[in-house]
Amino acid sequence: MGFILSFVLIFLGFAKCHAKVDLASTKPLVIPVDNFTPKITSADVAEVIPCDASVRTTSTSNMMVRIADRTFNHWFNSPTMKASMLGRAVDETQEKLKTDVILPADSSDGVTHKFSFRVEAFQALAKLEYSGWMKAAINYDAKAASTDIFLKEKFFTNKEFIVSHQAKKDQDLSMIGLAWQW
């Protein structure tokens, strides 16, 4: 009984609103636009989630590693992260890990040799490129435990002879090819 009496007294006491508000002179409520929270688009999702043919044959743990790696790379390559103090420090470090050595030709018809060394510590990659008598490259990917070797020799003006070898922990693959441009 006390509950019903309390309810009736409260309802009767607040039945009329005593606030004096003139709606014609009231300013509209303006909600600010959020320009700081990053928006996730379908293109961002496509860059993070692997959608290639190997998805069906990849184990769950390998897929999670690939998604985490691609997410970190996408985040780290974003303009906001590149402009941050950490992003600038990483870029400086990677620039210091790049070296080019050029050995000029002894004569006008001699061959100039160029060696390019690149260590990308944050991606666990090491690259060595040579150009001179031919073009060659050696790439080592520590994450994938893979080494790639490419040799290219130019024939005529639009053809190249290519020899490549890829060594992984579970298989090796050697290829010989001929490429041409038209």
N, C-alpha and C. Protein backbone atom coordinates (compact mmCIF):
# COMPACT_ATOMS: atom_id res chain seq x y z
N MET A 1 0.82 -1.19 0.00
CA MET A 1 0.00 0.00 0.00
C MET A 1 0.86 1.26 0.00
N GLY A 2 1.93 1.22 0.79
CA GLY A 2 2.82 2.38 0.86
C GLY A 2 3.48 2.65 -0.50
N PHE A 3 3.75 1.59 -1.21
CA PHE A 3 4.38 1.73 -2.51
C PHE A 3 3.45 2.43 -3.50
N ILE A 4 2.20 2.04 -3.51
CA ILE A 4 1.22 2.64 -4.43
C ILE A 4 1.00 4.10 -4.06
N LEU A 5 0.90 4.41 -2.79
CA LEU A 5 0.71 5.78 -2.34
C LEU A 5 1.91 6.65 -2.74
N SER A 6 3.12 6.12 -2.59
CA SER A 6 4.33 6.86 -3.00
C SER A 6 4.30 7.13 -4.50
N PHE A 7 3.95 6.12 -5.25
CA PHE A 7 3.91 6.26 -6.70
C PHE A 7 2.89 7.31 -7.13
N VAL A 8 1.71 7.31 -6.53
CA VAL A 8 0.66 8.27 -6.87
C VAL A 8 1.10 9.68 -6.52
N LEU A 9 1.70 9.88 -5.35
CA LEU A 9 2.15 11.21 -4.95
C LEU A 9 3.26 11.74 -5.87
N ILE A 10 4.18 10.86 -6.24
CA ILE A 10 5.25 11.28 -7.15
C ILE A 10 4.66 11.61 -8.51
N PHE A 11 3.76 10.80 -9.02
CA PHE A 11 3.17 11.01 -10.33
C PHE A 11 2.35 12.31 -10.36
N LEU A 12 1.59 12.56 -9.33
CA LEU A 12 0.78 13.78 -9.29
C LEU A 12 1.63 15.03 -9.10
N GLY A 13 2.73 14.91 -8.36
CA GLY A 13 3.59 16.05 -8.12
C GLY A 13 4.38 16.46 -9.34
N PHE A 14 4.70 15.52 -10.23
CA PHE A 14 5.51 15.83 -11.41
C PHE A 14 4.69 15.78 -12.69
N ALA A 15 3.41 15.82 -12.61
CA ALA A 15 2.57 15.74 -13.79
C ALA A 15 2.72 16.97 -14.66
N LYS A 16 3.02 18.10 -14.08
CA LYS A 16 3.14 19.34 -14.83
C LYS A 16 4.60 19.76 -14.84
N CYS A 17 5.09 20.13 -15.99
CA CYS A 17 6.47 20.58 -16.12
C CYS A 17 6.51 22.07 -15.80
N HIS A 18 7.37 22.45 -14.89
CA HIS A 18 7.46 23.84 -14.47
C HIS A 18 8.58 24.59 -15.18
N ALA A 19 9.24 23.98 -16.12
CA ALA A 19 10.33 24.65 -16.83
C ALA A 19 9.76 25.60 -17.86
N LYS A 20 10.34 26.79 -17.93
CA LYS A 20 9.92 27.81 -18.89
C LYS A 20 10.94 27.84 -20.03
N VAL A 21 10.68 27.13 -21.12
CA VAL A 21 11.59 27.06 -22.26
C VAL A 21 10.86 27.56 -23.49
N ASP A 22 11.49 28.51 -24.18
CA ASP A 22 10.94 29.03 -25.42
C ASP A 22 11.67 28.33 -26.57
N LEU A 23 11.02 27.40 -27.22
CA LEU A 23 11.65 26.61 -28.27
C LEU A 23 12.03 27.43 -29.49
N ALA A 24 11.36 28.53 -29.73
CA ALA A 24 11.66 29.37 -30.89
C ALA A 24 13.02 30.06 -30.73
N SER A 25 13.40 30.40 -29.52
CA SER A 25 14.67 31.10 -29.32
C SER A 25 15.79 30.18 -28.86
N THR A 26 15.53 28.89 -28.72
CA THR A 26 16.55 27.95 -28.29
C THR A 26 17.51 27.66 -29.43
N LYS A 27 18.81 27.69 -29.16
CA LYS A 27 19.83 27.40 -30.17
C LYS A 27 19.83 25.90 -30.48
N PRO A 28 20.06 25.54 -31.74
CA PRO A 28 20.11 24.11 -32.08
C PRO A 28 21.37 23.46 -31.50
N LEU A 29 21.26 22.18 -31.20
CA LEU A 29 22.38 21.41 -30.69
C LEU A 29 23.29 21.03 -31.87
N VAL A 30 24.55 21.41 -31.80
CA VAL A 30 25.51 21.11 -32.85
C VAL A 30 26.48 20.06 -32.32
N ILE A 31 26.51 18.90 -32.96
CA ILE A 31 27.41 17.83 -32.57
C ILE A 31 28.64 17.93 -33.48
N PRO A 32 29.83 18.07 -32.91
CA PRO A 32 31.03 18.25 -33.74
C PRO A 32 31.37 16.98 -34.53
N VAL A 33 31.99 17.19 -35.70
CA VAL A 33 32.42 16.09 -36.55
C VAL A 33 33.75 15.58 -36.03
N ASP A 34 33.87 14.27 -35.92
CA ASP A 34 35.11 13.65 -35.43
C ASP A 34 36.06 13.46 -36.60
N ASN A 35 37.09 14.29 -36.67
CA ASN A 35 38.08 14.19 -37.73
C ASN A 35 39.34 13.46 -37.27
N PHE A 36 39.36 12.97 -36.06
CA PHE A 36 40.57 12.38 -35.52
C PHE A 36 40.53 10.86 -35.46
N THR A 37 39.37 10.27 -35.29
CA THR A 37 39.26 8.82 -35.24
C THR A 37 39.38 8.26 -36.65
N PRO A 38 40.34 7.37 -36.89
CA PRO A 38 40.49 6.84 -38.25
C PRO A 38 39.29 6.00 -38.66
N LYS A 39 38.88 6.14 -39.90
CA LYS A 39 37.76 5.38 -40.45
C LYS A 39 38.32 4.14 -41.14
N ILE A 40 37.72 3.00 -40.91
CA ILE A 40 38.15 1.76 -41.53
C ILE A 40 37.27 1.52 -42.75
N THR A 41 37.91 1.40 -43.90
CA THR A 41 37.19 1.19 -45.16
C THR A 41 37.36 -0.25 -45.62
N SER A 42 36.61 -0.61 -46.65
CA SER A 42 36.74 -1.97 -47.19
C SER A 42 38.11 -2.17 -47.83
N ALA A 43 38.71 -1.10 -48.35
CA ALA A 43 40.06 -1.21 -48.91
C ALA A 43 41.07 -1.51 -47.81
N ASP A 44 40.86 -0.92 -46.62
CA ASP A 44 41.75 -1.22 -45.48
C ASP A 44 41.63 -2.69 -45.09
N VAL A 45 40.43 -3.20 -45.06
CA VAL A 45 40.21 -4.60 -44.70
C VAL A 45 40.86 -5.51 -45.75
N ALA A 46 40.75 -5.16 -47.02
CA ALA A 46 41.35 -5.97 -48.09
C ALA A 46 42.87 -5.98 -47.98
N GLU A 47 43.47 -4.90 -47.47
CA GLU A 47 44.91 -4.88 -47.29
C GLU A 47 45.36 -5.74 -46.11
N VAL A 48 44.47 -5.97 -45.17
CA VAL A 48 44.84 -6.70 -43.95
C VAL A 48 44.49 -8.17 -44.05
N ILE A 49 43.31 -8.51 -44.53
CA ILE A 49 42.85 -9.90 -44.61
C ILE A 49 43.32 -10.51 -45.93
N PRO A 50 44.11 -11.57 -45.89
CA PRO A 50 44.56 -12.20 -47.14
C PRO A 50 43.39 -12.88 -47.86
N CYS A 51 43.23 -12.57 -49.12
CA CYS A 51 42.14 -13.15 -49.90
C CYS A 51 42.66 -13.94 -51.10
N ASP A 52 43.94 -14.32 -51.07
CA ASP A 52 44.51 -15.04 -52.21
C ASP A 52 44.13 -16.52 -52.15
N ALA A 53 44.59 -17.26 -53.13
CA ALA A 53 44.21 -18.67 -53.26
C ALA A 53 44.79 -19.54 -52.15
N SER A 54 45.85 -19.09 -51.49
CA SER A 54 46.47 -19.92 -50.45
C SER A 54 45.68 -19.91 -49.15
N VAL A 55 44.61 -19.14 -49.06
CA VAL A 55 43.82 -19.05 -47.83
C VAL A 55 43.22 -20.41 -47.48
N ARG A 56 42.78 -21.16 -48.46
CA ARG A 56 42.13 -22.45 -48.20
C ARG A 56 43.10 -23.50 -47.66
N THR A 57 44.36 -23.39 -48.03
CA THR A 57 45.34 -24.41 -47.63
C THR A 57 46.19 -23.98 -46.44
N THR A 58 46.00 -22.78 -45.93
CA THR A 58 46.81 -22.28 -44.83
C THR A 58 46.18 -22.64 -43.49
N SER A 59 47.03 -23.03 -42.55
CA SER A 59 46.51 -23.37 -41.22
C SER A 59 46.05 -22.10 -40.51
N THR A 60 45.26 -22.27 -39.46
CA THR A 60 44.72 -21.14 -38.72
C THR A 60 45.83 -20.31 -38.09
N SER A 61 46.82 -20.96 -37.51
CA SER A 61 47.90 -20.21 -36.87
C SER A 61 48.71 -19.42 -37.89
N ASN A 62 48.99 -20.02 -39.05
CA ASN A 62 49.71 -19.27 -40.10
C ASN A 62 48.87 -18.11 -40.61
N MET A 63 47.57 -18.30 -40.72
CA MET A 63 46.69 -17.23 -41.18
C MET A 63 46.68 -16.09 -40.16
N MET A 64 46.64 -16.42 -38.89
CA MET A 64 46.66 -15.39 -37.85
C MET A 64 47.97 -14.60 -37.89
N VAL A 65 49.07 -15.28 -38.14
CA VAL A 65 50.37 -14.60 -38.25
C VAL A 65 50.36 -13.67 -39.45
N ARG A 66 49.83 -14.13 -40.59
CA ARG A 66 49.77 -13.28 -41.78
C ARG A 66 48.89 -12.05 -41.55
N ILE A 67 47.75 -12.24 -40.89
CA ILE A 67 46.85 -11.11 -40.63
C ILE A 67 47.52 -10.12 -39.68
N ALA A 68 48.16 -10.63 -38.63
CA ALA A 68 48.84 -9.74 -37.68
C ALA A 68 49.97 -8.98 -38.36
N ASP A 69 50.74 -9.66 -39.21
CA ASP A 69 51.84 -9.01 -39.92
C ASP A 69 51.33 -7.94 -40.87
N ARG A 70 50.29 -8.26 -41.63
CA ARG A 70 49.73 -7.28 -42.57
C ARG A 70 49.08 -6.12 -41.83
N THR A 71 48.45 -6.39 -40.68
CA THR A 71 47.84 -5.32 -39.89
C THR A 71 48.91 -4.37 -39.38
N PHE A 72 50.00 -4.92 -38.84
CA PHE A 72 51.08 -4.08 -38.34
C PHE A 72 51.70 -3.26 -39.47
N ASN A 73 51.94 -3.89 -40.62
CA ASN A 73 52.51 -3.15 -41.76
C ASN A 73 51.58 -2.04 -42.23
N HIS A 74 50.28 -2.33 -42.31
CA HIS A 74 49.32 -1.32 -42.74
C HIS A 74 49.28 -0.15 -41.75
N TRP A 75 49.27 -0.48 -40.46
CA TRP A 75 49.26 0.56 -39.43
C TRP A 75 50.55 1.37 -39.47
N PHE A 76 51.69 0.67 -39.59
CA PHE A 76 52.97 1.37 -39.55
C PHE A 76 53.19 2.23 -40.78
N ASN A 77 52.63 1.86 -41.92
CA ASN A 77 52.79 2.65 -43.14
C ASN A 77 51.75 3.74 -43.28
N SER A 78 50.87 3.89 -42.30
CA SER A 78 49.86 4.95 -42.35
C SER A 78 50.53 6.32 -42.18
N PRO A 79 49.96 7.37 -42.78
CA PRO A 79 50.56 8.71 -42.66
C PRO A 79 50.69 9.18 -41.21
N THR A 80 49.74 8.83 -40.37
CA THR A 80 49.81 9.24 -38.96
C THR A 80 51.02 8.63 -38.28
N MET A 81 51.24 7.34 -38.52
CA MET A 81 52.37 6.67 -37.88
C MET A 81 53.70 7.14 -38.46
N LYS A 82 53.75 7.36 -39.78
CA LYS A 82 54.98 7.83 -40.41
C LYS A 82 55.38 9.20 -39.87
N ALA A 83 54.40 10.04 -39.51
CA ALA A 83 54.69 11.38 -39.00
C ALA A 83 55.03 11.38 -37.51
N SER A 84 54.81 10.26 -36.83
CA SER A 84 55.08 10.21 -35.39
C SER A 84 56.59 10.10 -35.15
N MET A 85 56.97 10.28 -33.90
CA MET A 85 58.38 10.21 -33.53
C MET A 85 58.95 8.81 -33.77
N LEU A 86 58.16 7.79 -33.44
CA LEU A 86 58.60 6.41 -33.66
C LEU A 86 58.76 6.13 -35.15
N GLY A 87 57.81 6.58 -35.97
CA GLY A 87 57.89 6.37 -37.41
C GLY A 87 59.12 7.03 -38.02
N ARG A 88 59.41 8.24 -37.59
CA ARG A 88 60.60 8.93 -38.11
C ARG A 88 61.88 8.23 -37.66
N ALA A 89 61.91 7.72 -36.43
CA ALA A 89 63.09 7.00 -35.94
C ALA A 89 63.33 5.72 -36.74
N VAL A 90 62.25 5.00 -37.04
CA VAL A 90 62.38 3.77 -37.83
C VAL A 90 62.86 4.08 -39.24
N ASP A 91 62.31 5.12 -39.86
CA ASP A 91 62.74 5.50 -41.21
C ASP A 91 64.21 5.90 -41.23
N GLU A 92 64.64 6.65 -40.20
CA GLU A 92 66.06 7.04 -40.11
C GLU A 92 66.94 5.82 -39.97
N THR A 93 66.53 4.87 -39.13
CA THR A 93 67.31 3.66 -38.92
C THR A 93 67.43 2.86 -40.21
N GLN A 94 66.33 2.72 -40.93
CA GLN A 94 66.37 1.96 -42.18
C GLN A 94 67.19 2.67 -43.24
N GLU A 95 67.18 4.00 -43.26
CA GLU A 95 68.01 4.74 -44.22
C GLU A 95 69.49 4.52 -43.93
N LYS A 96 69.84 4.41 -42.65
CA LYS A 96 71.23 4.19 -42.28
C LYS A 96 71.69 2.78 -42.62
N LEU A 97 70.75 1.85 -42.79
CA LEU A 97 71.09 0.47 -43.13
C LEU A 97 71.13 0.23 -44.63
N LYS A 98 71.13 1.30 -45.43
CA LYS A 98 71.21 1.20 -46.88
C LYS A 98 72.57 1.74 -47.33
N THR A 99 73.22 1.00 -48.20
CA THR A 99 74.52 1.43 -48.71
C THR A 99 74.62 1.07 -50.18
N ASP A 100 75.15 2.00 -50.96
CA ASP A 100 75.42 1.76 -52.37
C ASP A 100 76.91 1.95 -52.60
N VAL A 101 77.53 1.01 -53.30
CA VAL A 101 78.94 1.09 -53.66
C VAL A 101 79.01 1.07 -55.17
N ILE A 102 79.65 2.10 -55.74
CA ILE A 102 79.78 2.20 -57.20
C ILE A 102 81.25 2.18 -57.56
N LEU A 103 81.63 1.24 -58.42
CA LEU A 103 82.99 1.16 -58.93
C LEU A 103 82.96 1.63 -60.38
N PRO A 104 83.48 2.83 -60.65
CA PRO A 104 83.38 3.36 -62.01
C PRO A 104 84.27 2.59 -62.99
N ALA A 105 83.92 2.70 -64.25
CA ALA A 105 84.66 2.03 -65.31
C ALA A 105 86.01 2.70 -65.49
N ASP A 106 87.03 1.90 -65.87
CA ASP A 106 88.38 2.44 -66.09
C ASP A 106 88.47 3.24 -67.37
N SER A 107 87.65 2.86 -68.34
CA SER A 107 87.69 3.56 -69.64
C SER A 107 86.27 3.88 -70.07
N SER A 108 86.15 4.57 -71.19
CA SER A 108 84.82 4.97 -71.66
C SER A 108 83.96 3.78 -72.09
N ASP A 109 84.57 2.71 -72.55
CA ASP A 109 83.79 1.53 -72.94
C ASP A 109 83.81 0.44 -71.87
N GLY A 110 84.29 0.75 -70.68
CA GLY A 110 84.35 -0.21 -69.57
C GLY A 110 82.98 -0.36 -68.90
N VAL A 111 82.93 -1.24 -67.93
CA VAL A 111 81.69 -1.55 -67.22
C VAL A 111 81.73 -0.92 -65.83
N THR A 112 80.67 -0.23 -65.47
CA THR A 112 80.52 0.32 -64.12
C THR A 112 79.80 -0.72 -63.27
N HIS A 113 80.38 -1.02 -62.12
CA HIS A 113 79.80 -2.01 -61.21
C HIS A 113 79.12 -1.28 -60.06
N LYS A 114 77.90 -1.70 -59.72
CA LYS A 114 77.17 -1.09 -58.62
C LYS A 114 76.65 -2.20 -57.70
N PHE A 115 76.95 -2.05 -56.40
CA PHE A 115 76.46 -2.96 -55.37
C PHE A 115 75.53 -2.17 -54.46
N SER A 116 74.35 -2.70 -54.21
CA SER A 116 73.40 -2.06 -53.29
C SER A 116 73.11 -3.04 -52.16
N PHE A 117 73.38 -2.60 -50.94
CA PHE A 117 73.11 -3.40 -49.75
C PHE A 117 71.93 -2.77 -49.02
N ARG A 118 70.96 -3.57 -48.67
CA ARG A 118 69.80 -3.09 -47.93
C ARG A 118 69.49 -4.08 -46.82
N VAL A 119 69.35 -3.57 -45.62
CA VAL A 119 68.89 -4.37 -44.50
C VAL A 119 67.64 -3.70 -43.97
N GLU A 120 66.54 -4.38 -44.05
CA GLU A 120 65.27 -3.87 -43.52
C GLU A 120 64.98 -4.66 -42.25
N ALA A 121 65.53 -4.14 -41.15
CA ALA A 121 65.51 -4.87 -39.88
C ALA A 121 64.09 -5.13 -39.38
N PHE A 122 63.20 -4.18 -39.58
CA PHE A 122 61.85 -4.32 -39.03
C PHE A 122 60.99 -5.26 -39.86
N GLN A 123 61.40 -5.53 -41.10
CA GLN A 123 60.71 -6.54 -41.91
C GLN A 123 61.50 -7.84 -41.98
N ALA A 124 62.65 -7.89 -41.32
CA ALA A 124 63.52 -9.07 -41.29
C ALA A 124 63.96 -9.47 -42.70
N LEU A 125 64.37 -8.46 -43.51
CA LEU A 125 64.82 -8.70 -44.87
C LEU A 125 66.24 -8.19 -45.06
N ALA A 126 67.00 -8.88 -45.89
CA ALA A 126 68.33 -8.42 -46.31
C ALA A 126 68.40 -8.58 -47.82
N LYS A 127 68.91 -7.54 -48.51
CA LYS A 127 68.96 -7.55 -49.97
C LYS A 127 70.34 -7.11 -50.44
N LEU A 128 70.83 -7.80 -51.44
CA LEU A 128 72.08 -7.43 -52.10
C LEU A 128 71.80 -7.43 -53.60
N GLU A 129 72.06 -6.31 -54.26
CA GLU A 129 71.84 -6.21 -55.70
C GLU A 129 73.14 -5.80 -56.37
N TYR A 130 73.36 -6.36 -57.55
CA TYR A 130 74.55 -6.04 -58.34
C TYR A 130 74.11 -5.70 -59.75
N SER A 131 74.73 -4.70 -60.30
CA SER A 131 74.56 -4.42 -61.73
C SER A 131 75.93 -4.08 -62.29
N GLY A 132 76.19 -4.58 -63.46
CA GLY A 132 77.48 -4.40 -64.12
C GLY A 132 77.51 -5.29 -65.34
N TRP A 133 78.27 -6.39 -65.26
CA TRP A 133 78.29 -7.33 -66.37
C TRP A 133 76.91 -7.92 -66.60
N MET A 134 76.16 -8.07 -65.55
CA MET A 134 74.79 -8.56 -65.61
C MET A 134 74.05 -7.97 -64.42
N LYS A 135 72.79 -8.30 -64.25
CA LYS A 135 72.04 -7.88 -63.07
C LYS A 135 71.84 -9.11 -62.20
N ALA A 136 72.08 -8.94 -60.90
CA ALA A 136 71.93 -10.05 -59.97
C ALA A 136 71.35 -9.52 -58.67
N ALA A 137 70.65 -10.37 -57.97
CA ALA A 137 70.07 -9.98 -56.68
C ALA A 137 70.00 -11.21 -55.78
N ILE A 138 70.29 -10.98 -54.51
CA ILE A 138 70.12 -12.00 -53.48
C ILE A 138 69.25 -11.38 -52.39
N ASN A 139 68.14 -12.03 -52.10
CA ASN A 139 67.21 -11.55 -51.07
C ASN A 139 67.07 -12.63 -50.02
N TYR A 140 67.20 -12.22 -48.76
CA TYR A 140 67.01 -13.16 -47.64
C TYR A 140 65.86 -12.65 -46.78
N ASP A 141 64.85 -13.50 -46.59
CA ASP A 141 63.70 -13.17 -45.74
C ASP A 141 63.77 -14.06 -44.51
N ALA A 142 64.11 -13.45 -43.37
CA ALA A 142 64.29 -14.24 -42.14
C ALA A 142 62.97 -14.79 -41.62
N LYS A 143 61.87 -14.05 -41.81
CA LYS A 143 60.57 -14.54 -41.32
C LYS A 143 60.14 -15.80 -42.04
N ALA A 144 60.34 -15.81 -43.36
CA ALA A 144 59.94 -16.97 -44.15
C ALA A 144 61.05 -18.00 -44.28
N ALA A 145 62.24 -17.69 -43.74
CA ALA A 145 63.41 -18.56 -43.86
C ALA A 145 63.64 -18.92 -45.32
N SER A 146 63.70 -17.88 -46.15
CA SER A 146 63.78 -18.08 -47.59
C SER A 146 64.89 -17.21 -48.19
N THR A 147 65.60 -17.76 -49.16
CA THR A 147 66.63 -17.04 -49.89
C THR A 147 66.30 -17.12 -51.38
N ASP A 148 66.31 -15.96 -52.05
CA ASP A 148 66.05 -15.88 -53.49
C ASP A 148 67.29 -15.35 -54.18
N ILE A 149 67.68 -15.98 -55.29
CA ILE A 149 68.82 -15.53 -56.09
C ILE A 149 68.34 -15.37 -57.53
N PHE A 150 68.60 -14.19 -58.12
CA PHE A 150 68.20 -13.90 -59.49
C PHE A 150 69.42 -13.44 -60.28
N LEU A 151 69.57 -13.97 -61.48
CA LEU A 151 70.59 -13.51 -62.42
C LEU A 151 69.89 -13.15 -63.72
N LYS A 152 70.16 -11.95 -64.23
CA LYS A 152 69.55 -11.51 -65.49
C LYS A 152 70.64 -11.05 -66.44
N GLU A 153 70.57 -11.52 -67.65
CA GLU A 153 71.51 -11.11 -68.69
C GLU A 153 70.71 -10.60 -69.88
N LYS A 154 71.02 -9.41 -70.34
CA LYS A 154 70.26 -8.81 -71.43
C LYS A 154 70.77 -9.35 -72.78
N PHE A 155 69.82 -9.79 -73.63
CA PHE A 155 70.10 -10.21 -74.99
C PHE A 155 69.42 -9.23 -75.93
N PHE A 156 70.10 -8.80 -76.92
CA PHE A 156 69.56 -7.85 -77.89
C PHE A 156 69.03 -6.62 -77.16
N THR A 157 68.00 -6.00 -77.64
CA THR A 157 67.50 -4.79 -76.98
C THR A 157 66.27 -5.05 -76.13
N ASN A 158 65.56 -6.15 -76.42
CA ASN A 158 64.30 -6.36 -75.73
C ASN A 158 64.16 -7.75 -75.08
N LYS A 159 65.25 -8.49 -74.93
CA LYS A 159 65.17 -9.84 -74.36
C LYS A 159 66.15 -9.98 -73.20
N GLU A 160 65.71 -10.76 -72.17
CA GLU A 160 66.57 -11.04 -71.02
C GLU A 160 66.53 -12.53 -70.72
N PHE A 161 67.69 -13.09 -70.41
CA PHE A 161 67.81 -14.47 -69.97
C PHE A 161 67.84 -14.43 -68.45
N ILE A 162 66.99 -15.21 -67.79
CA ILE A 162 66.84 -15.15 -66.34
C ILE A 162 67.08 -16.53 -65.72
N VAL A 163 67.92 -16.56 -64.71
CA VAL A 163 68.14 -17.77 -63.92
C VAL A 163 67.80 -17.39 -62.49
N SER A 164 66.94 -18.17 -61.86
CA SER A 164 66.56 -17.87 -60.48
C SER A 164 66.55 -19.15 -59.65
N HIS A 165 66.82 -18.96 -58.37
CA HIS A 165 66.79 -20.08 -57.43
C HIS A 165 66.19 -19.58 -56.12
N GLN A 166 65.27 -20.36 -55.58
CA GLN A 166 64.63 -20.01 -54.31
C GLN A 166 64.84 -21.19 -53.37
N ALA A 167 65.41 -20.89 -52.21
CA ALA A 167 65.67 -21.93 -51.20
C ALA A 167 64.84 -21.62 -49.97
N LYS A 168 63.98 -22.56 -49.61
CA LYS A 168 63.18 -22.46 -48.38
C LYS A 168 63.55 -23.63 -47.50
N LYS A 169 63.04 -23.60 -46.27
CA LYS A 169 63.40 -24.66 -45.34
C LYS A 169 62.85 -26.02 -45.76
N ASP A 170 61.76 -26.03 -46.54
CA ASP A 170 61.17 -27.32 -46.91
C ASP A 170 61.28 -27.66 -48.39
N GLN A 171 61.74 -26.70 -49.23
CA GLN A 171 61.86 -27.01 -50.66
C GLN A 171 62.79 -26.02 -51.34
N ASP A 172 63.32 -26.43 -52.48
CA ASP A 172 64.13 -25.57 -53.33
C ASP A 172 63.48 -25.51 -54.70
N LEU A 173 63.62 -24.36 -55.36
CA LEU A 173 63.02 -24.20 -56.68
C LEU A 173 64.00 -23.43 -57.57
N SER A 174 64.37 -24.02 -58.70
CA SER A 174 65.26 -23.38 -59.66
C SER A 174 64.51 -23.20 -60.97
N MET A 175 64.70 -22.03 -61.60
CA MET A 175 64.00 -21.75 -62.87
C MET A 175 64.95 -21.07 -63.85
N ILE A 176 64.71 -21.33 -65.11
CA ILE A 176 65.40 -20.65 -66.20
C ILE A 176 64.32 -20.07 -67.09
N GLY A 177 64.48 -18.82 -67.49
CA GLY A 177 63.44 -18.20 -68.29
C GLY A 177 64.00 -17.23 -69.30
N LEU A 178 63.14 -16.87 -70.23
CA LEU A 178 63.45 -15.87 -71.23
C LEU A 178 62.32 -14.84 -71.21
N ALA A 179 62.68 -13.58 -71.03
CA ALA A 179 61.69 -12.51 -70.97
C ALA A 179 61.96 -11.53 -72.10
N TRP A 180 60.89 -11.01 -72.68
CA TRP A 180 61.06 -9.99 -73.71
C TRP A 180 59.98 -8.94 -73.58
N GLN A 181 60.32 -7.77 -74.05
CA GLN A 181 59.38 -6.63 -74.03
C GLN A 181 59.06 -6.26 -75.46
N TRP A 182 57.83 -5.87 -75.68
CA TRP A 182 57.45 -5.44 -77.03
C TRP A 182 56.61 -4.21 -76.94
